[in-house]
Amino acid sequence: MLEKIKQLDEQVFIYLNSLGSESWDPMWLFLTKQANWALLFVVVFYFFIKKYGWKNFGFLVIALAILITITDQGTNLVKNLTQRLRPCHEAHLQNIIRIVKDGGKYSFFSGHASNSMATTTLLFFLLKKHYRFAVFLFVFPFIFAYSRIYLGLHYPTDILCGYLFGASTGYGMYRLYDIFLKNYSK
């Protein structure tokens, strides 16, 4: 069963990765860097401050720092335990896939997917009651994480498991932050 899942994962990865072309590579290399999303973060933080104020924004920054630490360290722990090689390091895939960027050794699960989904989930739940467009925040982790498949760095299950881990930790942090907002930030 596990072997069939791995084969399907590899086949889907090869298909998605093969959709790329050299003319699109610079765009996906740009999209995969967190710093290049800074304008989006500034806009989201503006809307957060508008509804919750500067004091609560300070608490949000602390919550985001804790959340990213949790997801980042959780990702590293799982990567070191599973030691699944990235597609770009698999010898049998070298002549089949497009390797646009080389990365670290292990791929399961994606830190980009878990961090982006965790932060987006937290911000979504905080902003959805004030802004109908908050659901569009999820475009960010989908594009951001797909870039990892495009570049040859992650399998689809790396992304999906990263999403699940990120969404659950992001929701957990939201619950804690919501309790904090109700009890201590008045």
Protein backbone atom coordinates (compact mmCIF):
# COMPACT_ATOMS: atom_id res chain seq x y z
CA MET A 1 0.00 0.00 0.00
CA LEU A 2 2.72 2.48 0.99
CA GLU A 3 4.68 1.60 -2.14
CA LYS A 4 1.62 2.33 -4.33
CA ILE A 5 1.18 5.72 -2.64
CA LYS A 6 4.85 6.53 -3.23
CA GLN A 7 4.55 5.52 -6.91
CA LEU A 8 1.44 7.64 -7.39
CA ASP A 9 3.10 10.53 -5.57
CA GLU A 10 6.11 10.27 -7.87
CA GLN A 11 3.93 10.08 -11.00
CA VAL A 12 1.90 13.14 -10.00
CA PHE A 13 5.11 14.97 -9.15
CA ILE A 14 6.66 14.14 -12.55
CA TYR A 15 3.52 15.34 -14.33
CA LEU A 16 3.27 18.63 -12.38
CA ASN A 17 6.99 19.27 -12.59
CA SER A 18 6.99 18.64 -16.36
CA LEU A 19 4.44 21.43 -16.90
CA GLY A 20 7.22 23.97 -16.39
CA SER A 21 9.34 25.69 -19.00
CA GLU A 22 12.51 27.76 -18.90
CA SER A 23 10.58 30.91 -19.70
CA TRP A 24 8.55 30.52 -16.48
CA ASP A 25 11.49 29.52 -14.24
CA PRO A 26 12.41 33.09 -13.12
CA MET A 27 8.83 33.73 -11.97
CA TRP A 28 8.71 30.52 -9.89
CA LEU A 29 12.17 31.21 -8.43
CA PHE A 30 10.84 34.63 -7.40
CA LEU A 31 7.62 33.20 -5.91
CA THR A 32 9.42 30.59 -3.80
CA LYS A 33 11.26 33.22 -1.72
CA GLN A 34 9.44 34.35 1.41
CA ALA A 35 10.84 37.89 1.24
CA ASN A 36 9.20 38.46 -2.13
CA TRP A 37 5.79 38.17 -0.50
CA ALA A 38 6.50 41.10 1.84
CA LEU A 39 3.96 43.42 0.21
CA LEU A 40 1.19 40.87 0.80
CA PHE A 41 2.20 40.61 4.46
CA VAL A 42 2.21 44.40 4.84
CA VAL A 43 -1.32 44.62 3.37
CA VAL A 44 -2.62 41.82 5.62
CA PHE A 45 -0.99 43.41 8.67
CA TYR A 46 -2.59 46.75 7.74
CA PHE A 47 -6.05 45.16 7.77
CA PHE A 48 -5.26 43.39 11.05
CA ILE A 49 -4.12 46.65 12.71
CA LYS A 50 -7.19 48.44 11.36
CA LYS A 51 -9.48 46.02 13.26
CA TYR A 52 -7.38 45.00 16.27
CA GLY A 53 -4.99 47.91 16.86
CA TRP A 54 -1.24 48.20 17.34
CA LYS A 55 -1.15 46.57 20.76
CA ASN A 56 -2.76 43.40 19.45
CA PHE A 57 -0.51 43.54 16.40
CA GLY A 58 2.46 43.25 18.76
CA PHE A 59 0.86 40.15 20.27
CA LEU A 60 0.23 38.82 16.75
CA VAL A 61 3.90 39.20 15.85
CA ILE A 62 4.84 37.18 18.95
CA ALA A 63 2.21 34.54 18.09
CA LEU A 64 3.50 34.33 14.51
CA ALA A 65 7.10 33.96 15.72
CA ILE A 66 6.09 31.12 18.05
CA LEU A 67 3.97 29.51 15.33
CA ILE A 68 6.75 29.61 12.73
CA THR A 69 9.20 28.20 15.26
CA ILE A 70 6.83 25.32 16.02
CA THR A 71 6.14 24.52 12.37
CA ASP A 72 9.76 24.94 11.34
CA GLN A 73 11.12 22.73 14.10
CA GLY A 74 8.33 20.18 13.63
CA THR A 75 9.15 20.03 9.93
CA ASN A 76 12.87 19.56 10.63
CA LEU A 77 12.14 16.82 13.16
CA VAL A 78 9.98 14.87 10.69
CA LYS A 79 12.47 15.40 7.85
CA ASN A 80 15.29 14.00 9.98
CA LEU A 81 13.18 11.06 11.16
CA THR A 82 11.84 10.05 7.73
CA GLN A 83 14.90 11.03 5.66
CA ARG A 84 12.99 10.99 2.38
CA LEU A 85 15.22 12.40 -0.33
CA ARG A 86 14.07 15.38 -2.32
CA PRO A 87 13.11 14.58 -5.91
CA CYS A 88 16.10 16.59 -7.14
CA HIS A 89 18.39 14.19 -5.21
CA GLU A 90 16.79 10.96 -6.45
CA ALA A 91 19.16 9.34 -8.95
CA HIS A 92 16.37 7.58 -10.86
CA LEU A 93 14.61 10.91 -11.48
CA GLN A 94 17.62 12.97 -12.58
CA ASN A 95 17.00 12.59 -16.33
CA ILE A 96 13.20 12.68 -16.07
CA ILE A 97 12.39 15.81 -14.09
CA ARG A 98 13.17 19.49 -14.39
CA ILE A 99 15.49 20.56 -11.59
CA VAL A 100 15.32 24.31 -11.45
CA LYS A 101 16.69 24.69 -7.92
CA ASP A 102 18.70 22.43 -5.68
CA GLY A 103 17.70 22.25 -2.03
CA GLY A 104 18.53 20.53 1.21
CA LYS A 105 18.74 16.77 1.37
CA TYR A 106 15.30 15.77 2.71
CA SER A 107 11.82 16.62 1.52
CA PHE A 108 9.15 15.14 3.81
CA PHE A 109 7.36 17.31 4.64
CA SER A 110 7.59 20.78 3.14
CA GLY A 111 8.53 23.58 5.50
CA HIS A 112 7.32 26.14 2.95
CA ALA A 113 3.91 24.45 2.92
CA SER A 114 3.66 24.09 6.71
CA ASN A 115 4.85 27.61 7.55
CA SER A 116 2.75 29.34 4.91
CA MET A 117 -0.38 27.34 5.75
CA ALA A 118 0.08 27.85 9.50
CA THR A 119 0.43 31.63 9.24
CA THR A 120 -2.38 31.87 6.71
CA THR A 121 -4.72 29.75 8.84
CA LEU A 122 -4.07 31.91 11.92
CA LEU A 123 -4.59 35.14 9.99
CA PHE A 124 -7.64 33.81 8.17
CA PHE A 125 -9.46 32.92 11.38
CA LEU A 126 -8.59 36.28 12.92
CA LEU A 127 -9.67 38.28 9.89
CA LYS A 128 -12.62 36.30 8.47
CA LYS A 129 -15.17 37.83 10.83
CA HIS A 130 -14.19 41.31 9.63
CA TYR A 131 -13.31 40.79 5.95
CA ARG A 132 -15.10 38.59 3.43
CA PHE A 133 -12.00 38.46 1.24
CA ALA A 134 -9.98 36.73 3.96
CA VAL A 135 -10.51 33.36 2.24
CA PHE A 136 -8.32 34.62 -0.62
CA LEU A 137 -5.37 34.54 1.77
CA PHE A 138 -5.15 30.82 0.99
CA VAL A 139 -3.97 31.63 -2.54
CA PHE A 140 -0.60 32.45 -0.95
CA PRO A 141 0.25 29.01 0.48
CA PHE A 142 -1.03 27.25 -2.65
CA ILE A 143 1.17 29.25 -5.02
CA PHE A 144 4.08 29.31 -2.57
CA ALA A 145 4.03 25.54 -2.03
CA TYR A 146 3.39 24.67 -5.69
CA SER A 147 6.60 26.51 -6.50
CA ARG A 148 8.43 23.76 -4.60
CA ILE A 149 7.04 21.09 -6.94
CA TYR A 150 7.75 23.23 -9.99
CA LEU A 151 11.38 23.71 -8.91
CA GLY A 152 11.90 19.96 -8.31
CA LEU A 153 12.18 20.16 -4.51
CA HIS A 154 9.04 18.45 -3.16
CA TYR A 155 6.57 15.70 -3.94
CA PRO A 156 2.82 16.43 -3.70
CA THR A 157 2.53 14.43 -0.44
CA ASP A 158 5.28 16.62 1.05
CA ILE A 159 3.08 19.61 0.28
CA LEU A 160 -0.17 18.01 1.46
CA CYS A 161 1.31 16.82 4.75
CA GLY A 162 2.92 20.23 5.23
CA TYR A 163 -0.49 21.81 4.67
CA LEU A 164 -2.12 19.50 7.23
CA PHE A 165 0.55 20.14 9.84
CA GLY A 166 0.48 23.87 9.16
CA ALA A 167 -3.31 24.16 9.19
CA SER A 168 -3.59 22.26 12.47
CA THR A 169 -0.86 24.25 14.22
CA GLY A 170 -2.22 27.50 12.77
CA TYR A 171 -5.70 26.70 14.02
CA GLY A 172 -4.32 25.72 17.44
CA MET A 173 -2.49 29.04 17.65
CA TYR A 174 -5.67 30.84 16.59
CA ARG A 175 -7.58 29.20 19.45
CA LEU A 176 -4.90 30.28 21.93
CA TYR A 177 -4.73 33.79 20.47
CA ASP A 178 -8.52 34.11 20.48
CA ILE A 179 -8.62 33.17 24.18
CA PHE A 180 -5.89 35.71 24.81
CA LEU A 181 -7.76 38.42 22.88
CA LYS A 182 -10.95 37.79 24.83
CA ASN A 183 -9.30 37.74 28.25
CA TYR A 184 -6.18 39.87 28.25
CA SER A 185 -5.94 42.34 25.41
CA LYS A 186 -8.72 44.73 26.33
